Amino acid sequence: MRSLSISLVLLCFTTVTAFAQLAPEIGYVVPGGAQAGTSVEVTLGGYDWTPDMQLFVHDPRVKLELLGPPTEVLITEPPYWFGAKARGYAWPLPREFKARLTVPAEVPPGLIRWQAANANGVSPVGWLHVTPYPEVLETPVPEGLQLLSAPPFVLSGQIRRIEEIDRFRLRPTHTGLITIELLARQLTSPANPMALHGMLQVT
């Protein structure tokens, strides 16, 4: 009986250790990229990230460098889900790293793949957006309506709550057609619960 009890205890400890070692997942990058020829500070959100993270950009011309240790796990203040959804599946909770993204001027516009890795494995592919236009960051405003400059530009923001709505006002300096494109689905990892639910409304 004594040898059987010891075997059961060792089995339990082994099982817990195996489940704790999860490969990292990429959640989001804010801003989602940079204008070619610039170097900007970005916030990386990831799941199961640890202090030994390393970043790999698939274009050797582009650099993505960590600037410090991760934050604590970020817990969204309630209410996040409403109604029956509040009793369902718990979404993963991210940590955030500060990083510097450097894009040389010769890099053409488009999406560039990148990955994160630690001792537990390598993440699925994430995406960075290289643009020929300047980046404009979403900023909280008391009246909830951010005034934007004249196009062209790239607006980078983040939806943190399931029913969050960000409002912006655009005043063009010329007449004619204006093209607006939402890249949330292309840039966001499927691990992020907001990845597939972006919507634009123009009034």
C-alpha atoms as a PDB file:
ATOM      1  CA  MET A   1       0.000   0.000   0.000  1.00  0.00           C
ATOM      2  CA  ARG A   2       2.838   2.407   0.773  1.00  0.00           C
ATOM      3  CA  SER A   3       4.428   1.983  -2.691  1.00  0.00           C
ATOM      4  CA  LEU A   4       1.031   2.419  -4.399  1.00  0.00           C
ATOM      5  CA  SER A   5       0.391   5.723  -2.586  1.00  0.00           C
ATOM      6  CA  ILE A   6       3.779   7.130  -3.590  1.00  0.00           C
ATOM      7  CA  SER A   7       3.155   6.231  -7.250  1.00  0.00           C
ATOM      8  CA  LEU A   8      -0.183   8.044  -7.280  1.00  0.00           C
ATOM      9  CA  VAL A   9       1.330  11.218  -5.816  1.00  0.00           C
ATOM     10  CA  LEU A  10       4.124  11.270  -8.403  1.00  0.00           C
ATOM     11  CA  LEU A  11       1.591  10.796 -11.218  1.00  0.00           C
ATOM     12  CA  CYS A  12      -0.442  13.793 -10.052  1.00  0.00           C
ATOM     13  CA  PHE A  13       2.603  16.070  -9.951  1.00  0.00           C
ATOM     14  CA  THR A  14       3.680  14.985 -13.449  1.00  0.00           C
ATOM     15  CA  THR A  15       0.234  15.684 -14.913  1.00  0.00           C
ATOM     16  CA  VAL A  16       0.069  19.229 -13.479  1.00  0.00           C
ATOM     17  CA  THR A  17       3.523  20.099 -14.841  1.00  0.00           C
ATOM     18  CA  ALA A  18       2.651  18.900 -18.353  1.00  0.00           C
ATOM     19  CA  PHE A  19      -0.495  21.014 -18.594  1.00  0.00           C
ATOM     20  CA  ALA A  20       1.312  24.145 -17.308  1.00  0.00           C
ATOM     21  CA  GLN A  21       3.840  24.191 -20.159  1.00  0.00           C
ATOM     22  CA  LEU A  22       1.880  25.892 -22.944  1.00  0.00           C
ATOM     23  CA  ALA A  23       3.380  27.397 -26.080  1.00  0.00           C
ATOM     24  CA  PRO A  24       2.854  31.183 -26.334  1.00  0.00           C
ATOM     25  CA  GLU A  25       0.046  32.753 -28.365  1.00  0.00           C
ATOM     26  CA  ILE A  26       0.067  36.195 -30.018  1.00  0.00           C
ATOM     27  CA  GLY A  27      -2.907  38.331 -29.050  1.00  0.00           C
ATOM     28  CA  TYR A  28      -2.448  41.840 -30.469  1.00  0.00           C
ATOM     29  CA  VAL A  29      -0.012  44.618 -31.412  1.00  0.00           C
ATOM     30  CA  VAL A  30      -0.865  48.284 -30.713  1.00  0.00           C
ATOM     31  CA  PRO A  31      -0.254  50.113 -32.988  1.00  0.00           C
ATOM     32  CA  GLY A  32      -0.572  47.314 -35.518  1.00  0.00           C
ATOM     33  CA  GLY A  33       2.526  48.331 -37.466  1.00  0.00           C
ATOM     34  CA  ALA A  34       4.505  51.351 -38.605  1.00  0.00           C
ATOM     35  CA  GLN A  35       5.136  53.639 -41.531  1.00  0.00           C
ATOM     36  CA  ALA A  36       8.113  52.625 -43.646  1.00  0.00           C
ATOM     37  CA  GLY A  37      11.195  54.599 -42.607  1.00  0.00           C
ATOM     38  CA  THR A  38      10.154  54.990 -38.946  1.00  0.00           C
ATOM     39  CA  SER A  39      10.806  53.403 -35.561  1.00  0.00           C
ATOM     40  CA  VAL A  40       7.908  53.283 -33.075  1.00  0.00           C
ATOM     41  CA  GLU A  41       7.153  51.847 -29.650  1.00  0.00           C
ATOM     42  CA  VAL A  42       4.407  49.218 -29.667  1.00  0.00           C
ATOM     43  CA  THR A  43       2.548  47.169 -27.062  1.00  0.00           C
ATOM     44  CA  LEU A  44       2.493  43.396 -27.587  1.00  0.00           C
ATOM     45  CA  GLY A  45      -0.276  41.411 -25.939  1.00  0.00           C
ATOM     46  CA  GLY A  46       0.232  37.683 -25.621  1.00  0.00           C
ATOM     47  CA  TYR A  47      -1.107  34.601 -23.880  1.00  0.00           C
ATOM     48  CA  ASP A  48       1.164  32.260 -21.874  1.00  0.00           C
ATOM     49  CA  TRP A  49       4.097  34.632 -22.393  1.00  0.00           C
ATOM     50  CA  THR A  50       7.033  34.398 -19.974  1.00  0.00           C
ATOM     51  CA  PRO A  51      10.048  36.644 -19.184  1.00  0.00           C
ATOM     52  CA  ASP A  52      12.277  34.594 -21.547  1.00  0.00           C
ATOM     53  CA  MET A  53      10.337  35.543 -24.716  1.00  0.00           C
ATOM     54  CA  GLN A  54      12.118  35.997 -28.050  1.00  0.00           C
ATOM     55  CA  LEU A  55      10.654  37.643 -31.168  1.00  0.00           C
ATOM     56  CA  PHE A  56      11.274  36.651 -34.795  1.00  0.00           C
ATOM     57  CA  VAL A  57      10.224  38.767 -37.800  1.00  0.00           C
ATOM     58  CA  HIS A  58      10.087  36.887 -41.102  1.00  0.00           C
ATOM     59  CA  ASP A  59      11.461  39.890 -43.003  1.00  0.00           C
ATOM     60  CA  PRO A  60      15.115  40.343 -41.917  1.00  0.00           C
ATOM     61  CA  ARG A  61      14.967  44.065 -42.689  1.00  0.00           C
ATOM     62  CA  VAL A  62      12.346  44.685 -39.979  1.00  0.00           C
ATOM     63  CA  LYS A  63      13.291  44.652 -36.285  1.00  0.00           C
ATOM     64  CA  LEU A  64      10.950  43.962 -33.359  1.00  0.00           C
ATOM     65  CA  GLU A  65      12.822  44.244 -30.047  1.00  0.00           C
ATOM     66  CA  LEU A  66      11.518  43.820 -26.486  1.00  0.00           C
ATOM     67  CA  LEU A  67      12.127  46.799 -24.203  1.00  0.00           C
ATOM     68  CA  GLY A  68      11.461  45.235 -20.804  1.00  0.00           C
ATOM     69  CA  PRO A  69       9.735  42.533 -18.741  1.00  0.00           C
ATOM     70  CA  PRO A  70       6.040  41.666 -19.098  1.00  0.00           C
ATOM     71  CA  THR A  71       3.202  43.108 -17.065  1.00  0.00           C
ATOM     72  CA  GLU A  72       1.157  40.996 -14.699  1.00  0.00           C
ATOM     73  CA  VAL A  73      -1.739  39.087 -16.222  1.00  0.00           C
ATOM     74  CA  LEU A  74      -4.379  41.642 -17.285  1.00  0.00           C
ATOM     75  CA  ILE A  75      -7.872  40.982 -15.943  1.00  0.00           C
ATOM     76  CA  THR A  76     -10.687  42.910 -17.645  1.00  0.00           C
ATOM     77  CA  GLU A  77     -12.926  44.776 -15.231  1.00  0.00           C
ATOM     78  CA  PRO A  78     -16.552  43.578 -15.177  1.00  0.00           C
ATOM     79  CA  PRO A  79     -18.884  43.543 -16.923  1.00  0.00           C
ATOM     80  CA  TYR A  80     -17.102  41.913 -19.871  1.00  0.00           C
ATOM     81  CA  TRP A  81     -19.749  39.427 -20.977  1.00  0.00           C
ATOM     82  CA  PHE A  82     -23.461  39.963 -20.431  1.00  0.00           C
ATOM     83  CA  GLY A  83     -26.362  37.604 -19.792  1.00  0.00           C
ATOM     84  CA  ALA A  84     -25.880  33.885 -20.413  1.00  0.00           C
ATOM     85  CA  LYS A  85     -22.438  34.455 -21.967  1.00  0.00           C
ATOM     86  CA  ALA A  86     -21.117  35.534 -18.561  1.00  0.00           C
ATOM     87  CA  ARG A  87     -21.519  31.934 -17.339  1.00  0.00           C
ATOM     88  CA  GLY A  88     -19.776  30.336 -20.323  1.00  0.00           C
ATOM     89  CA  TYR A  89     -16.228  29.843 -21.532  1.00  0.00           C
ATOM     90  CA  ALA A  90     -13.527  32.035 -19.942  1.00  0.00           C
ATOM     91  CA  TRP A  91     -11.401  33.818 -22.566  1.00  0.00           C
ATOM     92  CA  PRO A  92      -7.599  33.721 -22.127  1.00  0.00           C
ATOM     93  CA  LEU A  93      -5.996  36.584 -20.207  1.00  0.00           C
ATOM     94  CA  PRO A  94      -3.017  38.424 -21.757  1.00  0.00           C
ATOM     95  CA  ARG A  95       0.223  39.896 -20.527  1.00  0.00           C
ATOM     96  CA  GLU A  96       1.747  42.924 -22.258  1.00  0.00           C
ATOM     97  CA  PHE A  97       5.300  43.731 -23.333  1.00  0.00           C
ATOM     98  CA  LYS A  98       6.692  47.038 -24.555  1.00  0.00           C
ATOM     99  CA  ALA A  99       8.683  46.646 -27.772  1.00  0.00           C
ATOM    100  CA  ARG A 100      10.266  48.741 -30.514  1.00  0.00           C
ATOM    101  CA  LEU A 101       9.332  48.198 -34.159  1.00  0.00           C
ATOM    102  CA  THR A 102      11.804  49.528 -36.744  1.00  0.00           C
ATOM    103  CA  VAL A 103      10.865  49.488 -40.437  1.00  0.00           C
ATOM    104  CA  PRO A 104      13.456  50.698 -42.991  1.00  0.00           C
ATOM    105  CA  ALA A 105      12.297  53.010 -45.766  1.00  0.00           C
ATOM    106  CA  GLU A 106      12.868  50.385 -48.494  1.00  0.00           C
ATOM    107  CA  VAL A 107      10.306  47.934 -47.051  1.00  0.00           C
ATOM    108  CA  PRO A 108       7.193  47.963 -49.299  1.00  0.00           C
ATOM    109  CA  PRO A 109       3.677  48.389 -47.853  1.00  0.00           C
ATOM    110  CA  GLY A 110       1.875  45.228 -46.804  1.00  0.00           C
ATOM    111  CA  LEU A 111       1.663  42.582 -44.083  1.00  0.00           C
ATOM    112  CA  ILE A 112       4.751  40.951 -42.543  1.00  0.00           C
ATOM    113  CA  ARG A 113       4.719  37.755 -40.501  1.00  0.00           C
ATOM    114  CA  TRP A 114       6.267  37.443 -37.044  1.00  0.00           C
ATOM    115  CA  GLN A 115       6.338  34.907 -34.189  1.00  0.00           C
ATOM    116  CA  ALA A 116       7.120  34.727 -30.474  1.00  0.00           C
ATOM    117  CA  ALA A 117       8.939  31.872 -28.762  1.00  0.00           C
ATOM    118  CA  ASN A 118      10.020  30.742 -25.312  1.00  0.00           C
ATOM    119  CA  ALA A 119      11.202  27.524 -23.667  1.00  0.00           C
ATOM    120  CA  ASN A 120       7.717  26.020 -24.088  1.00  0.00           C
ATOM    121  CA  GLY A 121       7.474  26.433 -27.876  1.00  0.00           C
ATOM    122  CA  VAL A 122       6.762  28.794 -30.758  1.00  0.00           C
ATOM    123  CA  SER A 123       3.575  30.789 -31.321  1.00  0.00           C
ATOM    124  CA  PRO A 124       1.436  30.689 -34.462  1.00  0.00           C
ATOM    125  CA  VAL A 125       2.176  33.442 -36.979  1.00  0.00           C
ATOM    126  CA  GLY A 126       1.177  37.033 -36.213  1.00  0.00           C
ATOM    127  CA  TRP A 127       1.108  40.024 -38.578  1.00  0.00           C
ATOM    128  CA  LEU A 128       2.619  43.522 -38.705  1.00  0.00           C
ATOM    129  CA  HIS A 129       1.295  46.214 -41.051  1.00  0.00           C
ATOM    130  CA  VAL A 130       3.818  48.303 -42.997  1.00  0.00           C
ATOM    131  CA  THR A 131       2.208  51.411 -44.467  1.00  0.00           C
ATOM    132  CA  PRO A 132       3.336  54.389 -46.580  1.00  0.00           C
ATOM    133  CA  TYR A 133       1.076  56.650 -44.480  1.00  0.00           C
ATOM    134  CA  PRO A 134       1.585  58.148 -40.991  1.00  0.00           C
ATOM    135  CA  GLU A 135       0.119  56.362 -37.975  1.00  0.00           C
ATOM    136  CA  VAL A 136      -2.577  58.023 -35.843  1.00  0.00           C
ATOM    137  CA  LEU A 137      -3.245  56.490 -32.413  1.00  0.00           C
ATOM    138  CA  GLU A 138      -6.658  56.215 -30.802  1.00  0.00           C
ATOM    139  CA  THR A 139      -6.785  58.459 -27.727  1.00  0.00           C
ATOM    140  CA  PRO A 140      -9.486  58.620 -25.030  1.00  0.00           C
ATOM    141  CA  VAL A 141     -11.448  61.883 -25.236  1.00  0.00           C
ATOM    142  CA  PRO A 142     -13.999  63.143 -22.684  1.00  0.00           C
ATOM    143  CA  GLU A 143     -16.828  63.534 -25.202  1.00  0.00           C
ATOM    144  CA  GLY A 144     -16.049  60.155 -26.798  1.00  0.00           C
ATOM    145  CA  LEU A 145     -15.453  61.588 -30.295  1.00  0.00           C
ATOM    146  CA  GLN A 146     -11.847  61.819 -31.537  1.00  0.00           C
ATOM    147  CA  LEU A 147     -11.179  64.365 -34.268  1.00  0.00           C
ATOM    148  CA  LEU A 148      -8.924  62.963 -36.984  1.00  0.00           C
ATOM    149  CA  SER A 149      -6.592  64.746 -39.379  1.00  0.00           C
ATOM    150  CA  ALA A 150      -7.147  64.828 -43.121  1.00  0.00           C
ATOM    151  CA  PRO A 151      -6.426  61.545 -44.938  1.00  0.00           C
ATOM    152  CA  PRO A 152      -4.400  59.613 -45.901  1.00  0.00           C
ATOM    153  CA  PHE A 153      -3.396  58.016 -42.585  1.00  0.00           C
ATOM    154  CA  VAL A 154      -3.589  54.739 -40.655  1.00  0.00           C
ATOM    155  CA  LEU A 155      -5.651  54.765 -37.450  1.00  0.00           C
ATOM    156  CA  SER A 156      -4.568  52.281 -34.770  1.00  0.00           C
ATOM    157  CA  GLY A 157      -6.895  51.469 -31.889  1.00  0.00           C
ATOM    158  CA  GLN A 158      -8.016  48.634 -29.657  1.00  0.00           C
ATOM    159  CA  ILE A 159     -11.335  47.178 -28.547  1.00  0.00           C
ATOM    160  CA  ARG A 160     -11.001  45.973 -24.950  1.00  0.00           C
ATOM    161  CA  ARG A 161     -14.653  45.241 -24.084  1.00  0.00           C
ATOM    162  CA  ILE A 162     -17.218  43.147 -25.902  1.00  0.00           C
ATOM    163  CA  GLU A 163     -19.622  46.091 -26.443  1.00  0.00           C
ATOM    164  CA  GLU A 164     -17.065  48.905 -26.769  1.00  0.00           C
ATOM    165  CA  ILE A 165     -17.676  51.468 -29.519  1.00  0.00           C
ATOM    166  CA  ASP A 166     -14.982  53.938 -30.629  1.00  0.00           C
ATOM    167  CA  ARG A 167     -16.175  57.099 -32.400  1.00  0.00           C
ATOM    168  CA  PHE A 168     -14.165  59.373 -34.684  1.00  0.00           C
ATOM    169  CA  ARG A 169     -14.859  62.485 -36.757  1.00  0.00           C
ATOM    170  CA  LEU A 170     -13.132  63.005 -40.089  1.00  0.00           C
ATOM    171  CA  ARG A 171     -13.076  66.339 -41.963  1.00  0.00           C
ATOM    172  CA  PRO A 172     -11.620  65.859 -45.462  1.00  0.00           C
ATOM    173  CA  THR A 173      -9.900  68.780 -47.147  1.00  0.00           C
ATOM    174  CA  HIS A 174     -11.094  67.864 -50.653  1.00  0.00           C
ATOM    175  CA  THR A 175     -14.158  66.469 -52.405  1.00  0.00           C
ATOM    176  CA  GLY A 176     -14.356  62.995 -53.891  1.00  0.00           C
ATOM    177  CA  LEU A 177     -14.283  59.369 -52.795  1.00  0.00           C
ATOM    178  CA  ILE A 178     -12.599  58.254 -49.555  1.00  0.00           C
ATOM    179  CA  THR A 179     -11.559  54.625 -49.067  1.00  0.00           C
ATOM    180  CA  ILE A 180     -11.829  53.173 -45.545  1.00  0.00           C
ATOM    181  CA  GLU A 181     -10.474  49.689 -44.854  1.00  0.00           C
ATOM    182  CA  LEU A 182     -10.698  47.698 -41.605  1.00  0.00           C
ATOM    183  CA  LEU A 183      -7.743  45.354 -41.031  1.00  0.00           C
ATOM    184  CA  ALA A 184      -8.700  43.960 -37.596  1.00  0.00           C
ATOM    185  CA  ARG A 185      -9.276  40.417 -38.859  1.00  0.00           C
ATOM    186  CA  GLN A 186      -6.056  40.303 -40.904  1.00  0.00           C
ATOM    187  CA  LEU A 187      -3.875  41.596 -38.075  1.00  0.00           C
ATOM    188  CA  THR A 188      -5.350  39.889 -35.005  1.00  0.00           C
ATOM    189  CA  SER A 189      -4.650  36.362 -33.844  1.00  0.00           C
ATOM    190  CA  PRO A 190      -7.616  33.942 -33.644  1.00  0.00           C
ATOM    191  CA  ALA A 191      -6.663  33.518 -29.967  1.00  0.00           C
ATOM    192  CA  ASN A 192      -7.981  37.058 -29.382  1.00  0.00           C
ATOM    193  CA  PRO A 193     -11.767  36.976 -28.720  1.00  0.00           C
ATOM    194  CA  MET A 194     -12.222  40.283 -30.612  1.00  0.00           C
ATOM    195  CA  ALA A 195     -10.507  39.011 -33.766  1.00  0.00           C
ATOM    196  CA  LEU A 196     -13.580  38.303 -35.902  1.00  0.00           C
ATOM    197  CA  HIS A 197     -16.048  40.942 -34.732  1.00  0.00           C
ATOM    198  CA  GLY A 198     -14.807  44.307 -36.038  1.00  0.00           C
ATOM    199  CA  MET A 199     -17.400  46.519 -37.769  1.00  0.00           C
ATOM    200  CA  LEU A 200     -17.351  49.989 -39.378  1.00  0.00           C
ATOM    201  CA  GLN A 201     -20.307  52.352 -39.562  1.00  0.00           C
ATOM    202  CA  VAL A 202     -20.041  55.646 -41.476  1.00  0.00           C
ATOM    203  CA  THR A 203     -22.684  58.330 -40.879  1.00  0.00           C
END
